[in-house]
Protein backbone atom coordinates (compact mmCIF):
# COMPACT_ATOMS: atom_id res chain seq x y z
CA MET A 1 -16.51 -35.09 131.09
CA GLN A 2 -19.68 -34.17 129.15
CA PRO A 3 -22.06 -36.40 127.08
CA SER A 4 -22.67 -35.44 123.66
CA SER A 5 -25.37 -33.95 122.28
CA PRO A 6 -27.35 -34.70 119.33
CA TYR A 7 -26.56 -31.38 118.67
CA SER A 8 -23.47 -30.72 119.32
CA PRO A 9 -21.11 -30.65 116.47
CA GLY A 10 -19.31 -34.08 116.46
CA PRO A 11 -15.51 -34.39 117.20
CA GLN A 12 -12.88 -31.64 115.16
CA LYS A 13 -10.06 -32.37 112.77
CA PRO A 14 -7.14 -30.95 114.10
CA GLY A 15 -6.47 -27.76 111.53
CA PRO A 16 -2.91 -26.10 110.74
CA PRO A 17 -0.71 -25.32 113.08
CA PRO A 18 -0.90 -21.29 113.69
CA ALA A 19 1.46 -19.15 111.64
CA ASN A 20 3.65 -17.89 113.08
CA LYS A 21 3.23 -14.23 112.86
CA LEU A 22 6.83 -13.23 113.04
CA ALA A 23 8.32 -15.88 110.47
CA GLY A 24 6.92 -13.28 107.62
CA PRO A 25 5.50 -13.83 104.27
CA PRO A 26 6.49 -17.45 102.16
CA HIS A 27 9.40 -16.54 100.05
CA PRO A 28 8.77 -16.89 96.06
CA GLU A 29 10.71 -19.72 95.86
CA GLN A 30 8.85 -21.55 97.47
CA TYR A 31 6.44 -21.43 94.30
CA TYR A 32 8.68 -21.36 91.17
CA THR A 33 11.18 -23.92 90.16
CA THR A 34 14.57 -22.41 88.33
CA PRO A 35 14.42 -22.69 84.54
CA GLN A 36 16.81 -24.96 82.91
CA PHE A 37 18.49 -23.91 79.74
CA ASP A 38 20.33 -26.77 77.57
CA ASN A 39 23.41 -24.57 76.63
CA GLY A 40 24.08 -27.64 74.33
CA ALA A 41 26.21 -26.76 71.03
CA SER A 42 23.51 -28.65 68.86
CA HIS A 43 20.84 -25.86 69.95
CA ALA A 44 22.56 -23.00 69.23
CA THR A 45 21.53 -20.37 67.05
CA ALA A 46 23.07 -17.67 64.86
CA PRO A 47 22.68 -14.50 65.90
CA GLU A 48 19.82 -12.62 63.30
CA HIS A 49 21.21 -9.89 61.07
CA HIS A 50 19.06 -7.24 59.90
CA ASP A 51 19.79 -5.12 57.09
CA TYR A 52 19.02 -1.13 57.30
CA THR A 53 19.98 0.03 54.18
CA PHE A 54 17.36 0.49 52.65
CA ILE A 55 16.52 3.44 55.15
CA THR A 56 19.88 5.23 54.83
CA ASN A 57 20.03 4.48 51.33
CA PRO A 58 16.66 4.17 49.88
CA GLU A 59 16.86 2.64 46.41
CA THR A 60 15.25 5.17 43.57
CA PRO A 61 12.26 3.94 42.07
CA PRO A 62 12.57 3.45 38.16
CA LYS A 63 10.85 6.15 36.16
CA LYS A 64 7.71 5.08 34.27
CA LEU A 65 7.35 6.52 30.87
CA VAL A 66 3.80 8.16 30.68
CA ILE A 67 1.68 8.16 27.60
CA ASN A 68 -1.20 9.36 26.89
CA ILE A 69 -3.68 7.79 25.33
CA ALA A 70 -4.93 10.19 22.94
CA SER A 71 -1.17 10.74 22.07
CA ARG A 72 -1.00 6.62 21.75
CA SER A 73 -3.60 6.24 19.55
CA LEU A 74 -2.53 9.44 17.24
CA VAL A 75 0.78 7.88 16.69
CA ALA A 76 -0.73 4.75 15.93
CA ARG A 77 -3.08 5.89 13.42
CA LEU A 78 -0.11 7.87 11.51
CA ILE A 79 1.64 5.31 11.61
CA ILE A 80 -0.95 3.13 9.87
CA ALA A 81 -1.21 6.29 7.52
CA LEU A 82 2.33 5.76 6.43
CA VAL A 83 2.64 2.22 6.01
CA GLY A 84 -0.80 2.54 3.56
CA MET A 85 0.93 5.26 2.05
CA PHE A 86 4.00 3.05 1.26
CA VAL A 87 1.78 0.18 -0.12
CA LEU A 88 0.49 2.31 -2.47
CA LEU A 89 3.45 3.82 -3.84
CA ILE A 90 4.89 0.17 -4.24
CA VAL A 91 1.73 -0.36 -6.17
CA PHE A 92 1.37 2.17 -8.47
CA VAL A 93 5.50 1.98 -9.54
CA ILE A 94 4.77 -2.18 -10.41
CA ILE A 95 2.02 -0.91 -12.29
CA LYS A 96 3.22 2.14 -14.04
CA SER A 97 6.13 0.12 -14.60
CA VAL A 98 3.68 -2.94 -15.88
CA LEU A 99 2.06 -0.70 -18.18
CA GLY A 100 4.92 0.88 -19.58
CA SER A 101 6.93 4.34 -19.18
CA GLY A 102 4.92 7.43 -18.76
CA SER A 103 7.30 10.04 -19.46
CA SER A 104 10.45 8.57 -22.24
CA ASN A 105 7.96 7.45 -24.91
CA GLY A 106 5.57 10.34 -24.45
CA PRO A 107 6.35 12.66 -27.51
CA ALA A 108 6.65 9.15 -29.69
CA LEU A 109 3.34 8.30 -28.76
CA LEU A 110 1.90 11.51 -29.42
CA SER A 111 3.61 11.34 -32.70
CA VAL A 112 1.91 8.08 -33.34
CA ILE A 113 -1.49 9.53 -32.46
CA GLN A 114 -1.11 12.31 -35.16
CA ASP A 115 -0.14 9.65 -37.83
CA GLN A 116 -3.62 8.00 -37.09
CA GLN A 117 -5.64 11.63 -36.97
CA GLU A 118 -4.03 12.14 -40.34
CA LEU A 119 -5.17 9.10 -42.03
CA VAL A 120 -8.50 9.59 -40.43
CA HIS A 121 -9.03 12.96 -42.04
CA LEU A 122 -7.75 11.81 -45.27
CA ALA A 123 -9.80 8.52 -45.48
CA THR A 124 -13.01 10.77 -44.58
CA ASN A 125 -12.28 13.16 -46.73
CA ALA A 126 -11.95 10.15 -49.39
CA GLY A 127 -15.44 8.71 -48.22
CA GLN A 128 -17.08 11.58 -49.29
CA GLN A 129 -15.27 12.38 -52.33
CA GLN A 130 -17.66 12.50 -55.37
CA GLY A 131 -16.42 10.56 -58.45
CA ALA A 132 -14.31 8.03 -56.51
CA ASP A 133 -13.86 4.71 -57.66
CA THR A 134 -14.64 1.02 -55.91
CA THR A 135 -11.07 0.76 -55.15
CA THR A 136 -10.72 4.05 -53.50
CA LEU A 137 -13.83 4.21 -51.38
CA ASN A 138 -13.23 0.56 -50.13
CA SER A 139 -9.85 1.25 -48.64
CA ALA A 140 -11.22 4.96 -47.18
CA TYR A 141 -14.00 3.35 -45.38
CA THR A 142 -11.10 0.59 -44.20
CA VAL A 143 -8.83 2.97 -43.15
CA GLN A 144 -10.96 4.69 -41.50
CA ALA A 145 -12.39 2.32 -39.50
CA ALA A 146 -9.48 0.51 -38.50
CA VAL A 147 -7.27 3.88 -37.58
CA THR A 148 -10.16 4.92 -35.64
CA THR A 149 -10.29 2.10 -33.32
CA ALA A 150 -6.45 2.15 -33.44
CA GLN A 151 -6.18 5.69 -31.85
CA GLN A 152 -8.62 5.32 -29.30
CA GLN A 153 -7.30 2.54 -28.22
CA LEU A 154 -3.72 4.12 -27.35
CA THR A 155 -5.21 7.42 -26.21
CA THR A 156 -7.07 5.73 -23.41
CA TYR A 157 -3.88 3.78 -22.39
CA CYS A 158 -1.60 7.01 -22.56
CA SER A 159 -4.29 7.99 -20.50
CA ASN A 160 -3.67 4.87 -17.96
CA ILE A 161 0.04 5.46 -17.73
CA GLY A 162 -0.20 9.06 -16.97
CA LEU A 163 0.22 11.48 -20.09
CA LYS A 164 -2.25 13.88 -20.53
CA PHE A 165 -2.40 15.37 -23.80
CA VAL A 166 -4.52 18.37 -25.28
CA ALA A 167 -7.23 16.96 -28.21
CA THR A 168 -5.92 19.91 -30.30
CA GLU A 169 -2.41 18.51 -30.57
CA PHE A 170 -3.64 15.47 -32.25
CA SER A 171 -4.41 17.22 -35.43
CA GLN A 172 -1.02 19.35 -35.72
CA LYS A 173 0.05 17.12 -38.75
CA VAL A 174 -3.17 17.38 -40.96
CA SER A 175 -2.08 19.47 -43.65
CA SER A 176 -4.07 22.12 -45.43
CA GLN A 177 -1.69 21.78 -48.08
CA VAL A 178 -2.65 18.27 -49.06
CA ASP A 179 -5.96 18.74 -48.85
CA ALA A 180 -6.00 21.37 -51.09
CA GLU A 181 -4.20 19.15 -53.61
CA LEU A 182 -7.13 16.42 -53.39
CA THR A 183 -8.80 18.98 -54.42
CA THR A 184 -7.08 20.01 -57.32
CA ALA A 185 -6.57 16.47 -58.49
CA ALA A 186 -10.58 15.84 -58.01
CA THR A 187 -10.91 18.73 -60.31
CA ASN A 188 -8.61 17.48 -62.73
CA GLY A 189 -9.95 13.94 -62.80
CA THR A 190 -7.06 12.55 -61.00
CA TYR A 191 -8.27 11.81 -57.46
CA ASP A 192 -7.52 8.62 -57.02
CA GLN A 193 -4.26 8.42 -57.79
CA THR A 194 -3.41 11.40 -56.02
CA TYR A 195 -5.31 9.52 -53.19
CA GLN A 196 -3.35 6.31 -53.36
CA SER A 197 -0.08 8.15 -53.30
CA VAL A 198 -0.89 10.54 -50.68
CA LEU A 199 -1.86 7.12 -48.84
CA GLN A 200 1.15 5.58 -49.48
CA SER A 201 3.18 7.79 -48.17
CA MET A 202 1.29 8.38 -44.75
CA LEU A 203 0.97 5.18 -44.05
CA ALA A 204 4.83 5.05 -44.52
CA THR A 205 5.17 7.82 -41.66
CA TYR A 206 3.02 5.76 -39.67
CA GLY A 207 4.72 2.53 -39.59
CA GLN A 208 7.90 4.28 -38.92
CA ASP A 209 6.64 5.95 -36.08
CA LEU A 210 5.11 3.14 -34.87
CA LYS A 211 8.51 1.26 -34.74
CA GLN A 212 9.89 4.25 -32.92
CA ALA A 213 6.99 4.51 -30.07
CA TYR A 214 8.23 0.58 -30.04
CA ARG A 215 11.98 1.18 -28.87
CA GLN A 216 11.20 3.66 -26.69
CA THR A 217 8.42 1.61 -24.83
CA GLN A 218 9.33 -0.73 -21.72
CA GLY A 219 5.61 -2.19 -20.74
CA PRO A 220 4.65 -5.16 -22.57
CA LYS A 221 1.07 -4.01 -22.79
CA GLY A 222 1.92 -0.94 -24.66
CA ARG A 223 4.10 -3.14 -27.06
CA ALA A 224 2.09 -5.11 -27.37
CA LEU A 225 -0.46 -2.65 -28.13
CA LEU A 226 2.13 -1.00 -30.88
CA THR A 227 2.75 -4.35 -32.19
CA ALA A 228 -1.27 -4.65 -33.05
CA ASP A 229 -1.15 -1.11 -34.67
CA TYR A 230 2.07 -1.98 -36.46
CA ASN A 231 0.26 -5.41 -37.86
CA GLY A 232 -2.71 -3.16 -39.03
CA GLN A 233 -0.68 -0.50 -40.87
CA GLN A 234 1.18 -3.64 -42.68
CA LEU A 235 -1.92 -4.93 -44.07
CA LEU A 236 -3.45 -1.81 -45.09
CA LEU A 237 -0.24 -0.91 -47.38
CA GLN A 238 -0.75 -4.66 -48.76
CA GLN A 239 -4.55 -3.61 -49.38
CA LEU A 240 -3.41 -0.25 -51.40
CA ASN A 241 -0.89 -1.62 -53.28
CA SER A 242 -3.05 -4.98 -54.31
CA PRO A 243 -4.37 -4.92 -57.66
CA ALA A 244 -7.97 -4.18 -57.94
CA SER A 245 -9.88 -7.10 -58.86
C-alpha cells in the first residue's frame, strides 16, 4: 500500500454498476403509470348532440322594409296637409251653420236688401223736396238713417256667409213710376199725403219680406239681424201713423 499524498484524491465512492450493453434501453412503462378511469355511473355523461340543420336548411332572413327618408318625409307632410284641410273644412261647416245658410235664403235676403234700397231712395228724394211739411221731412230723415244702417249690416252678413250680390241688383225695386207719381203730387200740392201713402205700402212690403227671410234663415246671427230690422220697420210704421203734434 502506498502512502496517501496530500495531492492525491480522497477515497472514491462506489459508482453505479456498469450498464449492460446487451440489456438495451429501459422500457417506457418504468417511467409512466397506467391512468386509472372511474367508470362509475355517477360520473357518466350523455353524449353531446349538435344541430347541424342550419347548414342543410338555412333559415331565410326576414325581408326588411326599406323606406327612403325623403319619401317618408313627403308622406308625413301629405298626411299633415290632409289633416289640416279636414280640420279647416269642419271649422268652415261650423261657422257656416252658426251664421246661417248661404244658399237657400239668398233670394229672400236679396229681396230685403232691395226693399231697403227702395226705402232709402224714397226718403232721400223726400228730404230734398221743396215745400214738404215737417212731418214728411222728419220721417224722411229717420227712414234714411235707420234703413241705410240696416242695409249695410245685412249686406255685410250676406258677404260673410258667402252670398255675393252685384250692386246693380239692389236697385231693381226702385220704381220710376213711383218717382213720377210723387213729382206730379208735388206739382198738385199733395206731395205729403202721397209720400205717406207710398211709404206705408213700401214699409208693409218690407215687413213681409223680412218675415220670409227670417223663416228661411237658420243661423242665430242672421235671425237676430232680421229680427232687429223687423223691429225697426215696426217703429217706422208707428211714427208714420202717429198723429202730428
